[in-house]
C-alpha atoms as a PDB file:
ATOM      1  CA  MET A   1     -13.999 -55.758  43.159  1.00  0.00           C
ATOM      2  CA  PRO A   2     -10.586 -54.078  42.814  1.00  0.00           C
ATOM      3  CA  ALA A   3     -10.534 -54.746  39.052  1.00  0.00           C
ATOM      4  CA  LEU A   4     -13.973 -53.179  38.664  1.00  0.00           C
ATOM      5  CA  PHE A   5     -12.837 -50.160  40.699  1.00  0.00           C
ATOM      6  CA  PHE A   6      -9.808 -49.550  38.452  1.00  0.00           C
ATOM      7  CA  GLU A   7     -11.923 -49.937  35.304  1.00  0.00           C
ATOM      8  CA  SER A   8     -14.340 -47.235  36.480  1.00  0.00           C
ATOM      9  CA  ILE A   9     -11.462 -44.888  37.272  1.00  0.00           C
ATOM     10  CA  ALA A  10      -9.962 -45.501  33.817  1.00  0.00           C
ATOM     11  CA  MET A  11     -13.327 -44.724  32.201  1.00  0.00           C
ATOM     12  CA  ASP A  12     -13.696 -41.517  34.243  1.00  0.00           C
ATOM     13  CA  VAL A  13     -10.207 -40.401  33.152  1.00  0.00           C
ATOM     14  CA  ALA A  14     -11.048 -41.128  29.494  1.00  0.00           C
ATOM     15  CA  ASN A  15     -14.331 -39.203  29.734  1.00  0.00           C
ATOM     16  CA  THR A  16     -12.573 -36.246  31.410  1.00  0.00           C
ATOM     17  CA  GLU A  17      -9.995 -36.078  28.631  1.00  0.00           C
ATOM     18  CA  ASN A  18     -12.737 -35.962  25.998  1.00  0.00           C
ATOM     19  CA  ARG A  19     -14.580 -33.137  27.777  1.00  0.00           C
ATOM     20  CA  CYS A  20     -11.542 -30.818  28.230  1.00  0.00           C
ATOM     21  CA  HIS A  21     -11.058 -29.811  24.588  1.00  0.00           C
ATOM     22  CA  GLY A  22     -12.059 -26.352  23.239  1.00  0.00           C
ATOM     23  CA  PHE A  23     -14.017 -23.493  24.713  1.00  0.00           C
ATOM     24  CA  THR A  24     -17.527 -23.300  26.021  1.00  0.00           C
ATOM     25  CA  LEU A  25     -20.143 -21.235  24.238  1.00  0.00           C
ATOM     26  CA  ILE A  26     -20.214 -18.758  27.122  1.00  0.00           C
ATOM     27  CA  GLU A  27     -16.449 -18.190  26.883  1.00  0.00           C
ATOM     28  CA  LEU A  28     -16.670 -17.568  23.126  1.00  0.00           C
ATOM     29  CA  VAL A  29     -19.565 -15.122  23.519  1.00  0.00           C
ATOM     30  CA  ALA A  30     -17.692 -13.233  26.264  1.00  0.00           C
ATOM     31  CA  VAL A  31     -14.566 -12.873  24.090  1.00  0.00           C
ATOM     32  CA  LEU A  32     -16.598 -11.699  21.078  1.00  0.00           C
ATOM     33  CA  LEU A  33     -18.445  -9.182  23.235  1.00  0.00           C
ATOM     34  CA  ILE A  34     -15.179  -7.748  24.582  1.00  0.00           C
ATOM     35  CA  LEU A  35     -13.670  -7.527  21.079  1.00  0.00           C
ATOM     36  CA  GLY A  36     -16.821  -5.828  19.768  1.00  0.00           C
ATOM     37  CA  VAL A  37     -16.772  -3.176  22.495  1.00  0.00           C
ATOM     38  CA  LEU A  38     -13.070  -2.474  21.971  1.00  0.00           C
ATOM     39  CA  GLY A  39     -13.450  -2.364  18.186  1.00  0.00           C
ATOM     40  CA  SER A  40     -16.379   0.047  18.270  1.00  0.00           C
ATOM     41  CA  GLY A  41     -14.492   2.339  20.658  1.00  0.00           C
ATOM     42  CA  ILE A  42     -11.500   2.434  18.334  1.00  0.00           C
ATOM     43  CA  MET A  43     -13.649   3.087  15.266  1.00  0.00           C
ATOM     44  CA  LEU A  44     -15.425   5.985  16.975  1.00  0.00           C
ATOM     45  CA  ARG A  45     -12.078   7.492  17.855  1.00  0.00           C
ATOM     46  CA  TRP A  46     -10.742   7.248  14.298  1.00  0.00           C
ATOM     47  CA  ALA A  47     -13.835   8.453  12.455  1.00  0.00           C
ATOM     48  CA  PRO A  48     -12.523  10.532   9.502  1.00  0.00           C
ATOM     49  CA  GLY A  49     -15.191  13.245   9.723  1.00  0.00           C
ATOM     50  CA  ASP A  50     -14.538  13.942  13.388  1.00  0.00           C
ATOM     51  CA  GLN A  51     -11.085  15.484  13.301  1.00  0.00           C
ATOM     52  CA  SER A  52     -10.140  17.749  16.144  1.00  0.00           C
ATOM     53  CA  LEU A  53      -8.091  20.913  15.753  1.00  0.00           C
ATOM     54  CA  SER A  54      -5.046  19.103  17.098  1.00  0.00           C
ATOM     55  CA  ALA A  55      -5.394  16.274  14.562  1.00  0.00           C
ATOM     56  CA  GLN A  56      -5.763  18.736  11.686  1.00  0.00           C
ATOM     57  CA  ALA A  57      -2.689  20.694  12.829  1.00  0.00           C
ATOM     58  CA  ASP A  58      -0.721  17.429  12.855  1.00  0.00           C
ATOM     59  CA  LEU A  59      -2.040  16.612   9.375  1.00  0.00           C
ATOM     60  CA  PHE A  60      -0.979  20.039   8.081  1.00  0.00           C
ATOM     61  CA  ALA A  61       2.509  19.515   9.561  1.00  0.00           C
ATOM     62  CA  ARG A  62       2.732  16.073   7.899  1.00  0.00           C
ATOM     63  CA  ASN A  63       1.693  17.605   4.581  1.00  0.00           C
ATOM     64  CA  LEU A  64       4.455  20.228   4.911  1.00  0.00           C
ATOM     65  CA  ARG A  65       6.969  17.425   5.472  1.00  0.00           C
ATOM     66  CA  HIS A  66       5.444  15.501   2.558  1.00  0.00           C
ATOM     67  CA  ALA A  67       5.839  18.491   0.216  1.00  0.00           C
ATOM     68  CA  GLN A  68       9.467  18.807   1.328  1.00  0.00           C
ATOM     69  CA  ALA A  69      10.131  15.097   0.740  1.00  0.00           C
ATOM     70  CA  MET A  70       8.435  15.171  -2.680  1.00  0.00           C
ATOM     71  CA  ALA A  71      10.565  18.174  -3.721  1.00  0.00           C
ATOM     72  CA  MET A  72      13.719  16.243  -2.808  1.00  0.00           C
ATOM     73  CA  ALA A  73      12.551  13.008  -4.452  1.00  0.00           C
ATOM     74  CA  ARG A  74      11.561  14.728  -7.697  1.00  0.00           C
ATOM     75  CA  GLY A  75      14.495  17.156  -7.723  1.00  0.00           C
ATOM     76  CA  VAL A  76      12.220  20.170  -8.374  1.00  0.00           C
ATOM     77  CA  ALA A  77      10.890  23.088  -6.352  1.00  0.00           C
ATOM     78  CA  LEU A  78       7.400  22.531  -4.953  1.00  0.00           C
ATOM     79  CA  LEU A  79       4.929  24.821  -3.238  1.00  0.00           C
ATOM     80  CA  LEU A  80       2.495  24.195  -0.407  1.00  0.00           C
ATOM     81  CA  ASP A  81      -0.132  26.607  -1.700  1.00  0.00           C
ATOM     82  CA  VAL A  82      -2.683  27.841   0.879  1.00  0.00           C
ATOM     83  CA  LYS A  83      -5.596  28.653  -1.424  1.00  0.00           C
ATOM     84  CA  THR A  84      -8.280  29.740   1.084  1.00  0.00           C
ATOM     85  CA  ALA A  85      -8.689  29.778   4.856  1.00  0.00           C
ATOM     86  CA  ASN A  86      -9.579  26.066   4.835  1.00  0.00           C
ATOM     87  CA  THR A  87      -8.008  24.586   1.665  1.00  0.00           C
ATOM     88  CA  TYR A  88      -4.438  24.034   0.532  1.00  0.00           C
ATOM     89  CA  ALA A  89      -2.588  21.971  -2.067  1.00  0.00           C
ATOM     90  CA  ILE A  90       0.896  20.870  -3.072  1.00  0.00           C
ATOM     91  CA  THR A  91       1.706  22.356  -6.476  1.00  0.00           C
ATOM     92  CA  ASP A  92       4.603  22.889  -8.817  1.00  0.00           C
ATOM     93  CA  GLY A  93       3.692  26.581  -8.934  1.00  0.00           C
ATOM     94  CA  VAL A  94       1.204  26.079 -11.760  1.00  0.00           C
ATOM     95  CA  ALA A  95      -0.904  22.977 -11.162  1.00  0.00           C
ATOM     96  CA  THR A  96      -1.662  20.623  -8.286  1.00  0.00           C
ATOM     97  CA  ILE A  97       0.616  17.607  -8.447  1.00  0.00           C
ATOM     98  CA  ARG A  98      -0.120  13.936  -7.896  1.00  0.00           C
ATOM     99  CA  ASP A  99       1.696  11.700  -5.442  1.00  0.00           C
ATOM    100  CA  SER A 100       3.286   8.358  -6.384  1.00  0.00           C
ATOM    101  CA  ALA A 101      -0.114   6.641  -6.007  1.00  0.00           C
ATOM    102  CA  GLY A 102      -1.696   9.111  -8.440  1.00  0.00           C
ATOM    103  CA  ALA A 103      -3.770  11.046  -5.871  1.00  0.00           C
ATOM    104  CA  LEU A 104      -4.100  14.804  -6.298  1.00  0.00           C
ATOM    105  CA  GLN A 105      -2.529  16.666  -3.405  1.00  0.00           C
ATOM    106  CA  ASN A 106      -5.546  18.845  -2.457  1.00  0.00           C
ATOM    107  CA  PHE A 107      -6.527  19.143   1.205  1.00  0.00           C
ATOM    108  CA  THR A 108      -9.498  20.644   3.077  1.00  0.00           C
ATOM    109  CA  LEU A 109      -9.718  21.415   6.785  1.00  0.00           C
ATOM    110  CA  ASP A 110     -12.866  20.095   8.521  1.00  0.00           C
ATOM    111  CA  ASN A 111     -15.220  21.271  11.273  1.00  0.00           C
ATOM    112  CA  GLY A 112     -14.754  24.998  10.743  1.00  0.00           C
ATOM    113  CA  VAL A 113     -10.978  24.940  11.290  1.00  0.00           C
ATOM    114  CA  THR A 114      -9.244  27.786   9.453  1.00  0.00           C
ATOM    115  CA  LEU A 115      -5.626  28.363   8.498  1.00  0.00           C
ATOM    116  CA  SER A 116      -3.636  31.576   8.227  1.00  0.00           C
ATOM    117  CA  VAL A 117      -2.923  32.217   4.557  1.00  0.00           C
ATOM    118  CA  ALA A 118       0.794  31.823   3.785  1.00  0.00           C
ATOM    119  CA  ASP A 119       2.428  29.655   1.112  1.00  0.00           C
ATOM    120  CA  GLN A 120       5.671  27.731   1.558  1.00  0.00           C
ATOM    121  CA  ARG A 121       8.075  26.820  -1.235  1.00  0.00           C
ATOM    122  CA  PHE A 122      10.758  24.113  -1.014  1.00  0.00           C
ATOM    123  CA  ASP A 123      13.750  23.882  -3.353  1.00  0.00           C
ATOM    124  CA  SER A 124      14.966  20.633  -4.932  1.00  0.00           C
ATOM    125  CA  LEU A 125      17.065  19.927  -1.817  1.00  0.00           C
ATOM    126  CA  GLY A 126      14.037  20.277   0.469  1.00  0.00           C
ATOM    127  CA  ARG A 127      15.173  23.592   1.936  1.00  0.00           C
ATOM    128  CA  PRO A 128      12.388  26.087   2.722  1.00  0.00           C
ATOM    129  CA  LEU A 129      12.511  29.204   0.559  1.00  0.00           C
ATOM    130  CA  SER A 130      11.362  32.753   1.207  1.00  0.00           C
ATOM    131  CA  GLY A 131      11.005  34.746  -1.995  1.00  0.00           C
ATOM    132  CA  ALA A 132      13.970  33.983  -4.245  1.00  0.00           C
ATOM    133  CA  GLY A 133      16.360  32.875  -1.496  1.00  0.00           C
ATOM    134  CA  LEU A 134      16.595  30.577   1.475  1.00  0.00           C
ATOM    135  CA  MET A 135      14.295  31.296   4.383  1.00  0.00           C
ATOM    136  CA  SER A 136      16.096  33.223   7.141  1.00  0.00           C
ATOM    137  CA  ALA A 137      13.385  33.262   9.847  1.00  0.00           C
ATOM    138  CA  ALA A 138      10.890  30.646  10.989  1.00  0.00           C
ATOM    139  CA  GLN A 139       7.534  30.588   9.192  1.00  0.00           C
ATOM    140  CA  SER A 140       4.359  29.996  11.239  1.00  0.00           C
ATOM    141  CA  TRP A 141       0.773  29.060  10.422  1.00  0.00           C
ATOM    142  CA  THR A 142      -2.062  29.399  12.912  1.00  0.00           C
ATOM    143  CA  LEU A 143      -4.929  26.942  12.756  1.00  0.00           C
ATOM    144  CA  SER A 144      -8.039  28.203  14.552  1.00  0.00           C
ATOM    145  CA  GLY A 145     -11.170  26.377  15.594  1.00  0.00           C
ATOM    146  CA  GLU A 146     -13.065  24.938  18.521  1.00  0.00           C
ATOM    147  CA  SER A 147     -12.291  28.153  20.475  1.00  0.00           C
ATOM    148  CA  ALA A 148      -8.584  27.255  20.447  1.00  0.00           C
ATOM    149  CA  THR A 149      -5.532  27.640  18.215  1.00  0.00           C
ATOM    150  CA  GLU A 150      -2.581  25.497  17.203  1.00  0.00           C
ATOM    151  CA  THR A 151       0.619  26.780  15.614  1.00  0.00           C
ATOM    152  CA  VAL A 152       2.626  24.922  12.984  1.00  0.00           C
ATOM    153  CA  GLN A 153       6.135  26.270  12.497  1.00  0.00           C
ATOM    154  CA  ILE A 154       8.902  25.459  10.035  1.00  0.00           C
ATOM    155  CA  GLN A 155      12.537  26.297  10.765  1.00  0.00           C
ATOM    156  CA  PRO A 156      14.854  27.957   8.248  1.00  0.00           C
ATOM    157  CA  LEU A 157      17.506  25.934   6.426  1.00  0.00           C
ATOM    158  CA  THR A 158      16.535  22.507   7.845  1.00  0.00           C
ATOM    159  CA  GLY A 159      12.778  22.713   7.306  1.00  0.00           C
ATOM    160  CA  TYR A 160      12.138  21.113  10.700  1.00  0.00           C
ATOM    161  CA  VAL A 161       8.371  21.261  11.393  1.00  0.00           C
ATOM    162  CA  THR A 162       6.834  21.559  14.879  1.00  0.00           C
ATOM    163  CA  VAL A 163       3.265  21.828  16.200  1.00  0.00           C
ATOM    164  CA  THR A 164       2.463  23.736  19.403  1.00  0.00           C
ATOM    165  CA  PRO A 165      -0.911  24.249  21.074  1.00  0.00           C
END
């Protein structure tokens, strides 16, 4: 009897080891459901057509910095040209330029957001210019929409860009 008892225990241990590998179907479905809910929430938040005023002000500030960096990289003066209340472009003063990937640097504000009309030129060293000389006072742009405003400001000499609600 003792030998039979130990054989049954050994078989139970072997069967338990075979059953403990992998995940159950319920566990896999639960994980996929959680990932799906999280993924859809993130996608809704990052939808390109649903940009808030704050996001568009940040984008305008990044484009100012980008124009400054491109002027330094190319060693030429560039202009952030505000064409209308909701469109602007990075130009060389004559034509819209392309970035290193070949994309034209034209931008449009979405959802009725408007921008105060004021151009900004950067010299080949990335310094902000006002007329023919260096900028001596901070330049500001006001973005309006959604019954609120955001201000983007660039500092003289350094070209430091800030966004304030």
